N, C-alpha and C. Protein backbone atom coordinates (compact mmCIF):
# COMPACT_ATOMS: atom_id res chain seq x y z
N MET A 1 -5.09 1.17 -7.60
CA MET A 1 -4.13 0.96 -8.67
C MET A 1 -3.46 2.26 -9.07
N HIS A 2 -4.24 3.34 -9.12
CA HIS A 2 -3.65 4.63 -9.49
C HIS A 2 -2.63 5.07 -8.45
N ALA A 3 -2.97 4.86 -7.19
CA ALA A 3 -2.04 5.25 -6.13
C ALA A 3 -0.76 4.44 -6.21
N TYR A 4 -0.86 3.14 -6.48
CA TYR A 4 0.34 2.30 -6.54
C TYR A 4 1.18 2.66 -7.75
N ASN A 5 0.53 3.00 -8.86
CA ASN A 5 1.27 3.44 -10.03
C ASN A 5 2.02 4.73 -9.71
N ASP A 6 1.36 5.65 -9.03
CA ASP A 6 1.99 6.91 -8.64
C ASP A 6 3.16 6.67 -7.69
N ILE A 7 2.98 5.78 -6.73
CA ILE A 7 4.07 5.45 -5.81
C ILE A 7 5.26 4.93 -6.60
N LEU A 8 5.02 3.99 -7.50
CA LEU A 8 6.11 3.41 -8.28
C LEU A 8 6.82 4.46 -9.14
N ARG A 9 6.07 5.37 -9.71
CA ARG A 9 6.69 6.39 -10.56
C ARG A 9 7.54 7.38 -9.76
N ASN A 10 7.25 7.53 -8.48
CA ASN A 10 7.94 8.56 -7.69
C ASN A 10 8.83 8.03 -6.57
N ALA A 11 8.75 6.77 -6.25
CA ALA A 11 9.46 6.25 -5.08
C ALA A 11 10.82 5.63 -5.39
N GLY A 12 11.23 5.64 -6.63
CA GLY A 12 12.51 5.02 -6.99
C GLY A 12 13.67 5.41 -6.08
N PRO A 13 13.90 6.71 -5.84
CA PRO A 13 15.03 7.10 -4.98
C PRO A 13 14.88 6.58 -3.54
N SER A 14 13.68 6.61 -3.00
CA SER A 14 13.46 6.09 -1.65
C SER A 14 13.63 4.58 -1.62
N PHE A 15 13.05 3.90 -2.60
CA PHE A 15 13.21 2.46 -2.68
C PHE A 15 14.69 2.09 -2.84
N ARG A 16 15.42 2.89 -3.60
CA ARG A 16 16.85 2.64 -3.80
C ARG A 16 17.58 2.60 -2.46
N THR A 17 17.29 3.55 -1.58
CA THR A 17 17.94 3.61 -0.27
C THR A 17 17.70 2.31 0.50
N ILE A 18 16.47 1.84 0.51
CA ILE A 18 16.14 0.61 1.23
C ILE A 18 16.80 -0.59 0.58
N LEU A 19 16.71 -0.67 -0.75
CA LEU A 19 17.28 -1.80 -1.46
C LEU A 19 18.80 -1.87 -1.30
N LEU A 20 19.46 -0.73 -1.31
CA LEU A 20 20.91 -0.72 -1.10
C LEU A 20 21.26 -1.21 0.30
N HIS A 21 20.47 -0.80 1.28
CA HIS A 21 20.71 -1.30 2.65
C HIS A 21 20.59 -2.82 2.68
N LEU A 22 19.54 -3.35 2.08
CA LEU A 22 19.33 -4.80 2.07
C LEU A 22 20.41 -5.53 1.28
N ALA A 23 20.84 -4.94 0.18
CA ALA A 23 21.88 -5.56 -0.65
C ALA A 23 23.23 -5.58 0.05
N ASN A 24 23.43 -4.67 0.99
CA ASN A 24 24.73 -4.56 1.64
C ASN A 24 24.73 -5.00 3.10
N LEU A 25 23.74 -5.78 3.49
CA LEU A 25 23.72 -6.30 4.86
C LEU A 25 24.98 -7.14 5.10
N PRO A 26 25.52 -7.06 6.31
CA PRO A 26 26.69 -7.90 6.61
C PRO A 26 26.26 -9.37 6.72
N PRO A 27 27.21 -10.28 6.63
CA PRO A 27 26.86 -11.70 6.79
C PRO A 27 26.22 -11.93 8.16
N PRO A 28 25.30 -12.88 8.24
CA PRO A 28 24.63 -13.12 9.51
C PRO A 28 25.61 -13.57 10.60
N HIS A 29 25.36 -13.14 11.81
CA HIS A 29 26.14 -13.54 12.97
C HIS A 29 25.19 -14.24 13.92
N PRO A 30 25.59 -15.36 14.54
CA PRO A 30 24.66 -16.13 15.37
C PRO A 30 24.00 -15.33 16.49
N THR A 31 24.68 -14.36 17.05
CA THR A 31 24.10 -13.62 18.17
C THR A 31 23.47 -12.30 17.75
N ALA A 32 23.74 -11.85 16.57
CA ALA A 32 23.18 -10.56 16.12
C ALA A 32 22.92 -10.60 14.62
N PRO A 33 21.86 -11.32 14.19
CA PRO A 33 21.57 -11.35 12.76
C PRO A 33 21.16 -9.97 12.26
N PRO A 34 21.55 -9.63 11.03
CA PRO A 34 21.16 -8.31 10.48
C PRO A 34 19.67 -8.28 10.20
N GLY A 35 19.14 -7.11 10.12
CA GLY A 35 17.74 -6.98 9.82
C GLY A 35 17.37 -5.56 9.47
N ALA A 36 16.13 -5.36 9.16
CA ALA A 36 15.63 -4.04 8.81
C ALA A 36 14.14 -4.00 9.10
N LEU A 37 13.67 -2.87 9.55
CA LEU A 37 12.24 -2.63 9.74
C LEU A 37 11.83 -1.65 8.65
N ILE A 38 10.91 -2.08 7.82
CA ILE A 38 10.46 -1.27 6.69
C ILE A 38 8.96 -1.06 6.86
N HIS A 39 8.54 0.21 6.91
CA HIS A 39 7.13 0.49 7.15
C HIS A 39 6.75 1.85 6.57
N CYS A 40 5.44 2.09 6.54
CA CYS A 40 4.91 3.41 6.21
C CYS A 40 3.76 3.66 7.17
N THR A 41 2.93 4.62 6.91
CA THR A 41 1.88 4.99 7.86
C THR A 41 0.99 3.82 8.24
N ALA A 42 0.39 3.18 7.25
CA ALA A 42 -0.49 2.04 7.55
C ALA A 42 0.20 0.71 7.27
N GLY A 43 1.34 0.74 6.61
CA GLY A 43 2.07 -0.48 6.34
C GLY A 43 1.51 -1.30 5.19
N LYS A 44 0.74 -0.68 4.30
CA LYS A 44 0.13 -1.46 3.23
C LYS A 44 0.32 -0.89 1.83
N ASP A 45 0.46 0.40 1.70
CA ASP A 45 0.55 0.96 0.35
C ASP A 45 2.00 1.09 -0.11
N ARG A 46 2.73 2.05 0.41
CA ARG A 46 4.14 2.17 0.02
C ARG A 46 4.91 0.91 0.39
N THR A 47 4.66 0.41 1.61
CA THR A 47 5.32 -0.81 2.05
C THR A 47 4.84 -2.00 1.24
N GLY A 48 3.55 -2.07 0.99
CA GLY A 48 2.99 -3.20 0.25
C GLY A 48 3.55 -3.29 -1.16
N ILE A 49 3.57 -2.18 -1.87
CA ILE A 49 4.07 -2.24 -3.25
C ILE A 49 5.58 -2.44 -3.26
N PHE A 50 6.28 -1.90 -2.25
CA PHE A 50 7.73 -2.14 -2.15
C PHE A 50 8.00 -3.64 -2.02
N PHE A 51 7.30 -4.29 -1.08
CA PHE A 51 7.56 -5.72 -0.88
C PHE A 51 7.02 -6.55 -2.03
N GLY A 52 5.93 -6.12 -2.65
CA GLY A 52 5.47 -6.81 -3.86
C GLY A 52 6.54 -6.80 -4.92
N LEU A 53 7.14 -5.66 -5.12
CA LEU A 53 8.22 -5.50 -6.09
C LEU A 53 9.43 -6.36 -5.72
N LEU A 54 9.85 -6.26 -4.48
CA LEU A 54 11.03 -7.00 -4.02
C LEU A 54 10.80 -8.51 -4.11
N LEU A 55 9.68 -8.98 -3.60
CA LEU A 55 9.40 -10.41 -3.63
C LEU A 55 9.25 -10.92 -5.06
N SER A 56 8.65 -10.11 -5.92
CA SER A 56 8.55 -10.49 -7.33
C SER A 56 9.94 -10.63 -7.94
N PHE A 57 10.81 -9.69 -7.67
CA PHE A 57 12.19 -9.75 -8.14
C PHE A 57 12.87 -11.03 -7.66
N LEU A 58 12.58 -11.43 -6.42
CA LEU A 58 13.22 -12.62 -5.84
C LEU A 58 12.58 -13.93 -6.29
N GLY A 59 11.54 -13.84 -7.14
CA GLY A 59 10.95 -15.04 -7.71
C GLY A 59 9.79 -15.63 -6.95
N VAL A 60 9.23 -14.88 -6.01
CA VAL A 60 8.07 -15.38 -5.27
C VAL A 60 6.83 -15.27 -6.17
N ALA A 61 6.00 -16.29 -6.15
CA ALA A 61 4.80 -16.33 -7.00
C ALA A 61 3.84 -15.20 -6.64
N PRO A 62 3.21 -14.59 -7.63
CA PRO A 62 2.26 -13.50 -7.37
C PRO A 62 1.16 -13.87 -6.38
N GLU A 63 0.66 -15.10 -6.44
CA GLU A 63 -0.40 -15.53 -5.53
C GLU A 63 0.08 -15.53 -4.08
N THR A 64 1.34 -15.91 -3.87
CA THR A 64 1.92 -15.92 -2.53
C THR A 64 2.11 -14.49 -2.02
N ILE A 65 2.59 -13.62 -2.88
CA ILE A 65 2.77 -12.21 -2.52
C ILE A 65 1.41 -11.61 -2.15
N ALA A 66 0.40 -11.89 -2.96
CA ALA A 66 -0.94 -11.35 -2.72
C ALA A 66 -1.54 -11.87 -1.41
N ALA A 67 -1.31 -13.12 -1.11
CA ALA A 67 -1.82 -13.69 0.15
C ALA A 67 -1.14 -13.02 1.34
N GLU A 68 0.15 -12.79 1.23
CA GLU A 68 0.89 -12.12 2.31
C GLU A 68 0.38 -10.68 2.48
N TYR A 69 0.21 -9.98 1.39
CA TYR A 69 -0.31 -8.61 1.41
C TYR A 69 -1.69 -8.57 2.07
N ASN A 70 -2.52 -9.55 1.76
CA ASN A 70 -3.88 -9.61 2.29
C ASN A 70 -3.91 -9.77 3.81
N LEU A 71 -2.84 -10.26 4.41
CA LEU A 71 -2.77 -10.37 5.87
C LEU A 71 -2.87 -9.01 6.55
N THR A 72 -2.60 -7.95 5.79
CA THR A 72 -2.72 -6.59 6.32
C THR A 72 -4.14 -6.32 6.79
N GLU A 73 -5.12 -6.95 6.15
CA GLU A 73 -6.51 -6.79 6.58
C GLU A 73 -6.66 -7.12 8.06
N GLN A 74 -6.06 -8.23 8.48
CA GLN A 74 -6.11 -8.62 9.89
C GLN A 74 -5.34 -7.63 10.76
N GLY A 75 -4.17 -7.21 10.26
CA GLY A 75 -3.33 -6.31 11.05
C GLY A 75 -3.96 -4.95 11.29
N LEU A 76 -4.78 -4.50 10.36
CA LEU A 76 -5.41 -3.18 10.50
C LEU A 76 -6.81 -3.25 11.11
N ALA A 77 -7.30 -4.43 11.40
CA ALA A 77 -8.68 -4.59 11.86
C ALA A 77 -8.99 -3.72 13.08
N ASP A 78 -8.08 -3.66 14.03
CA ASP A 78 -8.34 -2.91 15.27
C ASP A 78 -8.41 -1.40 15.07
N ILE A 79 -7.78 -0.89 14.01
CA ILE A 79 -7.76 0.56 13.79
C ILE A 79 -8.55 0.98 12.56
N ARG A 80 -9.15 0.03 11.88
CA ARG A 80 -9.83 0.32 10.61
C ARG A 80 -10.82 1.48 10.72
N GLU A 81 -11.72 1.44 11.70
CA GLU A 81 -12.75 2.48 11.80
C GLU A 81 -12.13 3.86 12.08
N ASP A 82 -11.09 3.92 12.89
CA ASP A 82 -10.42 5.20 13.14
C ASP A 82 -9.79 5.75 11.86
N VAL A 83 -9.16 4.87 11.10
CA VAL A 83 -8.53 5.30 9.85
C VAL A 83 -9.59 5.76 8.85
N VAL A 84 -10.69 5.03 8.76
CA VAL A 84 -11.77 5.42 7.85
C VAL A 84 -12.30 6.80 8.22
N ARG A 85 -12.52 7.04 9.50
CA ARG A 85 -13.01 8.34 9.96
C ARG A 85 -12.01 9.45 9.62
N ARG A 86 -10.73 9.20 9.87
CA ARG A 86 -9.70 10.22 9.55
C ARG A 86 -9.67 10.51 8.06
N LEU A 87 -9.75 9.45 7.25
CA LEU A 87 -9.78 9.66 5.80
C LEU A 87 -10.97 10.50 5.38
N MET A 88 -12.13 10.17 5.93
CA MET A 88 -13.34 10.89 5.56
C MET A 88 -13.31 12.35 6.01
N LEU A 89 -12.49 12.67 6.99
CA LEU A 89 -12.37 14.05 7.47
C LEU A 89 -11.26 14.82 6.76
N SER A 90 -10.45 14.15 5.95
CA SER A 90 -9.37 14.84 5.25
C SER A 90 -9.95 15.78 4.20
N ILE A 91 -9.26 16.85 3.93
CA ILE A 91 -9.75 17.88 3.00
C ILE A 91 -10.03 17.28 1.63
N GLY A 92 -9.07 16.54 1.10
CA GLY A 92 -9.24 15.96 -0.23
C GLY A 92 -10.41 15.00 -0.31
N PHE A 93 -10.56 14.22 0.73
CA PHE A 93 -11.64 13.24 0.73
C PHE A 93 -12.99 13.93 0.83
N LYS A 94 -13.08 14.98 1.67
CA LYS A 94 -14.36 15.71 1.78
C LYS A 94 -14.73 16.35 0.44
N LYS A 95 -13.73 16.88 -0.27
CA LYS A 95 -14.01 17.47 -1.58
C LYS A 95 -14.50 16.40 -2.55
N CYS A 96 -13.86 15.25 -2.51
CA CYS A 96 -14.26 14.14 -3.38
C CYS A 96 -15.68 13.68 -3.05
N MET A 97 -15.97 13.56 -1.75
CA MET A 97 -17.32 13.15 -1.34
C MET A 97 -18.34 14.21 -1.74
N ALA A 98 -18.01 15.48 -1.58
CA ALA A 98 -18.94 16.55 -1.94
C ALA A 98 -19.24 16.53 -3.44
N ALA A 99 -18.25 16.14 -4.24
CA ALA A 99 -18.45 16.07 -5.69
C ALA A 99 -19.41 14.95 -6.08
N GLN A 100 -19.67 14.02 -5.15
CA GLN A 100 -20.59 12.90 -5.41
C GLN A 100 -22.05 13.29 -5.23
N GLY A 101 -22.30 14.48 -4.70
CA GLY A 101 -23.68 14.88 -4.47
C GLY A 101 -23.77 16.33 -4.07
N SER A 102 -24.87 16.69 -3.47
CA SER A 102 -25.12 18.10 -3.15
C SER A 102 -24.91 18.39 -1.66
N VAL A 103 -23.90 17.76 -1.05
CA VAL A 103 -23.59 17.99 0.35
C VAL A 103 -22.24 18.71 0.41
N SER A 104 -22.21 19.86 1.10
CA SER A 104 -20.98 20.66 1.15
C SER A 104 -19.91 19.96 2.01
N PRO A 105 -18.62 20.27 1.75
CA PRO A 105 -17.55 19.71 2.59
C PRO A 105 -17.74 20.03 4.08
N GLU A 106 -18.25 21.22 4.38
CA GLU A 106 -18.48 21.60 5.78
C GLU A 106 -19.55 20.71 6.41
N ARG A 107 -20.63 20.49 5.67
CA ARG A 107 -21.71 19.63 6.18
C ARG A 107 -21.21 18.19 6.31
N LEU A 108 -20.39 17.74 5.37
CA LEU A 108 -19.84 16.39 5.46
C LEU A 108 -19.00 16.22 6.71
N GLU A 109 -18.18 17.23 7.02
CA GLU A 109 -17.36 17.14 8.23
C GLU A 109 -18.26 17.02 9.46
N GLU A 110 -19.29 17.82 9.49
CA GLU A 110 -20.24 17.76 10.61
C GLU A 110 -20.88 16.38 10.71
N LEU A 111 -21.29 15.83 9.56
CA LEU A 111 -21.94 14.53 9.55
C LEU A 111 -20.99 13.41 9.97
N VAL A 112 -19.77 13.43 9.45
CA VAL A 112 -18.80 12.39 9.79
C VAL A 112 -18.45 12.47 11.27
N THR A 113 -18.29 13.68 11.77
CA THR A 113 -17.94 13.87 13.17
C THR A 113 -19.06 13.44 14.10
N SER A 114 -20.29 13.79 13.74
CA SER A 114 -21.39 13.52 14.67
C SER A 114 -22.15 12.23 14.40
N HIS A 115 -22.15 11.75 13.15
CA HIS A 115 -22.98 10.59 12.81
C HIS A 115 -22.19 9.40 12.27
N GLY A 116 -20.95 9.57 11.93
CA GLY A 116 -20.21 8.45 11.35
C GLY A 116 -20.76 8.09 10.00
N VAL A 117 -21.36 6.93 9.90
CA VAL A 117 -21.85 6.43 8.63
C VAL A 117 -23.17 7.09 8.22
N GLY A 118 -23.86 7.69 9.15
CA GLY A 118 -25.10 8.36 8.81
C GLY A 118 -26.31 7.47 8.92
N THR A 119 -26.36 6.65 9.94
CA THR A 119 -27.49 5.73 10.09
C THR A 119 -28.65 6.35 10.86
N GLU A 120 -28.47 7.54 11.41
CA GLU A 120 -29.55 8.15 12.19
C GLU A 120 -30.66 8.66 11.27
N ALA A 121 -31.86 8.58 11.76
CA ALA A 121 -33.03 8.96 10.96
C ALA A 121 -33.03 10.43 10.58
N SER A 122 -32.29 11.27 11.31
CA SER A 122 -32.29 12.71 11.03
C SER A 122 -31.56 13.07 9.74
N LEU A 123 -30.85 12.15 9.17
CA LEU A 123 -30.12 12.44 7.94
C LEU A 123 -31.04 12.31 6.73
N GLY A 124 -30.82 13.19 5.77
CA GLY A 124 -31.56 13.10 4.53
C GLY A 124 -31.00 11.98 3.66
N ASP A 125 -31.78 11.59 2.68
CA ASP A 125 -31.34 10.51 1.78
C ASP A 125 -30.03 10.85 1.09
N GLU A 126 -29.90 12.10 0.62
CA GLU A 126 -28.68 12.51 -0.09
C GLU A 126 -27.47 12.48 0.84
N GLU A 127 -27.65 12.95 2.06
CA GLU A 127 -26.55 12.93 3.04
C GLU A 127 -26.14 11.48 3.33
N ARG A 128 -27.10 10.64 3.54
CA ARG A 128 -26.83 9.22 3.82
C ARG A 128 -26.11 8.58 2.64
N ARG A 129 -26.57 8.87 1.42
CA ARG A 129 -25.96 8.30 0.21
C ARG A 129 -24.51 8.72 0.06
N VAL A 130 -24.25 10.02 0.22
CA VAL A 130 -22.89 10.53 0.05
C VAL A 130 -21.96 9.99 1.15
N LEU A 131 -22.47 9.94 2.37
CA LEU A 131 -21.66 9.37 3.46
C LEU A 131 -21.33 7.91 3.19
N GLU A 132 -22.29 7.17 2.70
CA GLU A 132 -22.05 5.75 2.44
C GLU A 132 -21.05 5.58 1.29
N LEU A 133 -21.16 6.40 0.25
CA LEU A 133 -20.18 6.35 -0.84
C LEU A 133 -18.79 6.66 -0.32
N GLY A 134 -18.70 7.68 0.52
CA GLY A 134 -17.41 8.04 1.11
C GLY A 134 -16.85 6.93 1.97
N ARG A 135 -17.70 6.34 2.77
CA ARG A 135 -17.25 5.25 3.65
C ARG A 135 -16.75 4.06 2.83
N ARG A 136 -17.48 3.71 1.78
CA ARG A 136 -17.03 2.59 0.93
C ARG A 136 -15.69 2.90 0.28
N GLY A 137 -15.51 4.15 -0.16
CA GLY A 137 -14.23 4.55 -0.74
C GLY A 137 -13.10 4.48 0.28
N ALA A 138 -13.37 4.95 1.48
CA ALA A 138 -12.36 4.91 2.54
C ALA A 138 -12.02 3.47 2.91
N LEU A 139 -13.02 2.61 2.96
CA LEU A 139 -12.76 1.21 3.26
C LEU A 139 -11.90 0.56 2.19
N ARG A 140 -12.12 0.93 0.91
CA ARG A 140 -11.27 0.42 -0.17
C ARG A 140 -9.84 0.89 0.02
N MET A 141 -9.68 2.14 0.44
CA MET A 141 -8.34 2.68 0.64
C MET A 141 -7.62 1.99 1.79
N VAL A 142 -8.35 1.57 2.80
CA VAL A 142 -7.77 0.91 3.96
C VAL A 142 -7.60 -0.59 3.68
N GLY A 143 -8.29 -1.09 2.69
CA GLY A 143 -8.25 -2.52 2.40
C GLY A 143 -6.95 -2.96 1.77
N ALA A 144 -6.73 -4.26 1.80
CA ALA A 144 -5.54 -4.87 1.20
C ALA A 144 -5.96 -6.19 0.57
N SER A 145 -6.73 -6.10 -0.50
CA SER A 145 -7.25 -7.32 -1.14
C SER A 145 -6.17 -8.01 -1.96
N ARG A 146 -6.31 -9.30 -2.07
CA ARG A 146 -5.40 -10.09 -2.91
C ARG A 146 -5.42 -9.57 -4.35
N GLU A 147 -6.63 -9.26 -4.82
CA GLU A 147 -6.79 -8.82 -6.20
C GLU A 147 -5.99 -7.55 -6.48
N THR A 148 -5.97 -6.64 -5.51
CA THR A 148 -5.22 -5.40 -5.68
C THR A 148 -3.74 -5.69 -5.91
N MET A 149 -3.17 -6.59 -5.11
CA MET A 149 -1.75 -6.89 -5.28
C MET A 149 -1.49 -7.65 -6.57
N VAL A 150 -2.35 -8.59 -6.91
CA VAL A 150 -2.16 -9.31 -8.17
C VAL A 150 -2.17 -8.32 -9.34
N ARG A 151 -3.14 -7.42 -9.35
CA ARG A 151 -3.22 -6.42 -10.42
C ARG A 151 -2.03 -5.46 -10.38
N SER A 152 -1.55 -5.14 -9.18
CA SER A 152 -0.38 -4.26 -9.07
C SER A 152 0.86 -4.93 -9.65
N LEU A 153 1.03 -6.21 -9.39
CA LEU A 153 2.18 -6.93 -9.94
C LEU A 153 2.06 -7.04 -11.46
N GLU A 154 0.84 -7.22 -11.97
CA GLU A 154 0.63 -7.23 -13.42
C GLU A 154 1.00 -5.86 -14.00
N MET A 155 0.65 -4.78 -13.27
CA MET A 155 0.99 -3.44 -13.71
C MET A 155 2.51 -3.24 -13.75
N VAL A 156 3.22 -3.76 -12.74
CA VAL A 156 4.68 -3.66 -12.72
C VAL A 156 5.25 -4.31 -13.98
N ASP A 157 4.72 -5.47 -14.32
CA ASP A 157 5.20 -6.15 -15.53
C ASP A 157 4.87 -5.37 -16.79
N LYS A 158 3.63 -4.93 -16.90
CA LYS A 158 3.16 -4.28 -18.13
C LYS A 158 3.75 -2.87 -18.31
N GLU A 159 3.71 -2.06 -17.26
CA GLU A 159 4.11 -0.65 -17.41
C GLU A 159 5.57 -0.36 -17.08
N PHE A 160 6.20 -1.25 -16.32
CA PHE A 160 7.58 -0.99 -15.91
C PHE A 160 8.54 -2.06 -16.41
N GLY A 161 8.03 -3.06 -17.12
CA GLY A 161 8.89 -4.10 -17.66
C GLY A 161 9.33 -5.15 -16.65
N GLY A 162 8.66 -5.22 -15.52
CA GLY A 162 8.99 -6.21 -14.49
C GLY A 162 9.78 -5.59 -13.35
N ALA A 163 9.90 -6.36 -12.28
CA ALA A 163 10.54 -5.87 -11.07
C ALA A 163 12.02 -5.55 -11.28
N GLU A 164 12.74 -6.42 -11.96
CA GLU A 164 14.18 -6.17 -12.15
C GLU A 164 14.41 -4.91 -12.99
N LYS A 165 13.66 -4.77 -14.06
CA LYS A 165 13.82 -3.58 -14.89
C LYS A 165 13.47 -2.32 -14.10
N TYR A 166 12.42 -2.39 -13.27
CA TYR A 166 12.06 -1.25 -12.42
C TYR A 166 13.23 -0.90 -11.50
N MET A 167 13.80 -1.90 -10.86
CA MET A 167 14.92 -1.65 -9.93
C MET A 167 16.12 -1.05 -10.66
N ARG A 168 16.35 -1.48 -11.86
CA ARG A 168 17.47 -0.92 -12.64
C ARG A 168 17.18 0.52 -13.07
N GLU A 169 15.99 0.74 -13.64
CA GLU A 169 15.70 2.05 -14.24
C GLU A 169 15.22 3.10 -13.24
N TYR A 170 14.39 2.72 -12.29
CA TYR A 170 13.83 3.70 -11.35
C TYR A 170 14.64 3.82 -10.06
N CYS A 171 15.34 2.74 -9.70
CA CYS A 171 16.12 2.75 -8.46
C CYS A 171 17.62 2.86 -8.73
N GLY A 172 18.02 2.72 -9.98
CA GLY A 172 19.42 2.86 -10.34
C GLY A 172 20.32 1.75 -9.83
N LEU A 173 19.78 0.55 -9.67
CA LEU A 173 20.60 -0.57 -9.19
C LEU A 173 21.26 -1.26 -10.37
N GLY A 174 22.46 -1.77 -10.12
CA GLY A 174 23.20 -2.52 -11.12
C GLY A 174 23.29 -3.98 -10.74
N ASP A 175 24.05 -4.72 -11.53
CA ASP A 175 24.19 -6.15 -11.32
C ASP A 175 24.68 -6.48 -9.91
N GLU A 176 25.64 -5.76 -9.41
CA GLU A 176 26.21 -6.05 -8.09
C GLU A 176 25.17 -5.90 -6.98
N GLU A 177 24.39 -4.83 -7.04
CA GLU A 177 23.35 -4.62 -6.01
C GLU A 177 22.24 -5.67 -6.11
N LEU A 178 21.85 -5.99 -7.34
CA LEU A 178 20.80 -6.99 -7.52
C LEU A 178 21.26 -8.36 -7.03
N GLU A 179 22.51 -8.68 -7.29
CA GLU A 179 23.05 -9.95 -6.78
C GLU A 179 23.13 -9.92 -5.26
N GLY A 180 23.46 -8.76 -4.69
CA GLY A 180 23.49 -8.63 -3.23
C GLY A 180 22.12 -8.88 -2.62
N LEU A 181 21.07 -8.41 -3.26
CA LEU A 181 19.71 -8.67 -2.78
C LEU A 181 19.42 -10.17 -2.78
N ARG A 182 19.76 -10.82 -3.89
CA ARG A 182 19.50 -12.27 -3.97
C ARG A 182 20.32 -13.01 -2.91
N ARG A 183 21.58 -12.66 -2.78
CA ARG A 183 22.47 -13.32 -1.82
C ARG A 183 21.97 -13.15 -0.38
N ASN A 184 21.53 -11.95 -0.04
CA ASN A 184 21.14 -11.65 1.33
C ASN A 184 19.72 -12.05 1.69
N LEU A 185 18.86 -12.19 0.69
CA LEU A 185 17.44 -12.38 1.00
C LEU A 185 16.87 -13.74 0.60
N VAL A 186 17.62 -14.54 -0.13
CA VAL A 186 17.13 -15.84 -0.52
C VAL A 186 17.94 -16.91 0.22
N VAL A 187 17.22 -17.78 0.91
CA VAL A 187 17.86 -18.85 1.67
C VAL A 187 17.63 -20.16 0.95
N GLY A 188 18.69 -20.89 0.69
CA GLY A 188 18.58 -22.18 0.04
C GLY A 188 18.12 -22.06 -1.40
N ASP A 189 17.69 -23.17 -1.95
CA ASP A 189 17.26 -23.18 -3.35
C ASP A 189 15.76 -23.19 -3.52
N GLY A 190 15.05 -23.02 -2.40
CA GLY A 190 13.59 -22.98 -2.46
C GLY A 190 12.94 -24.35 -2.48
N ALA A 191 13.74 -25.41 -2.47
CA ALA A 191 13.18 -26.77 -2.49
C ALA A 191 12.78 -27.24 -1.11
């Protein structure tokens, strides 16, 4: 939640660029429909909150947005362990893990590199505990739970006044751009 709040507070100009592109798409052509590929490193945090915001603005129910976001779990399944290992080896993460106990960042790097989760008998209880705490934290960071998106959308409403107000105030969009988004991204009346 903290990361998504931070993204929202700082991503307005970047989100504006994407939203303006979507608002100004040309009319569809039968042989070459317009489109856009929107992604980030893992496709779940910056991209996830962007689409949560956009879909919320377009009137999609929070439960539907959260279910779609949760599909990321399946999409990342093949690379999850690699991402967890990389996270656990990052400088910031090692410092955070070291603060959880009496294991130095250098020792943590050695343990993550050679033992992964720390299931070998040669590890001390403290090393095993800190590694497991780190692994659980990394798994949460790689995860895409429905609850996270539901809470993120609630945060957008509570702290930013809703998706439309966010787009107006943080992305600098006006009535014309917002109408362009609705025109280009909503098909039919939803019935």
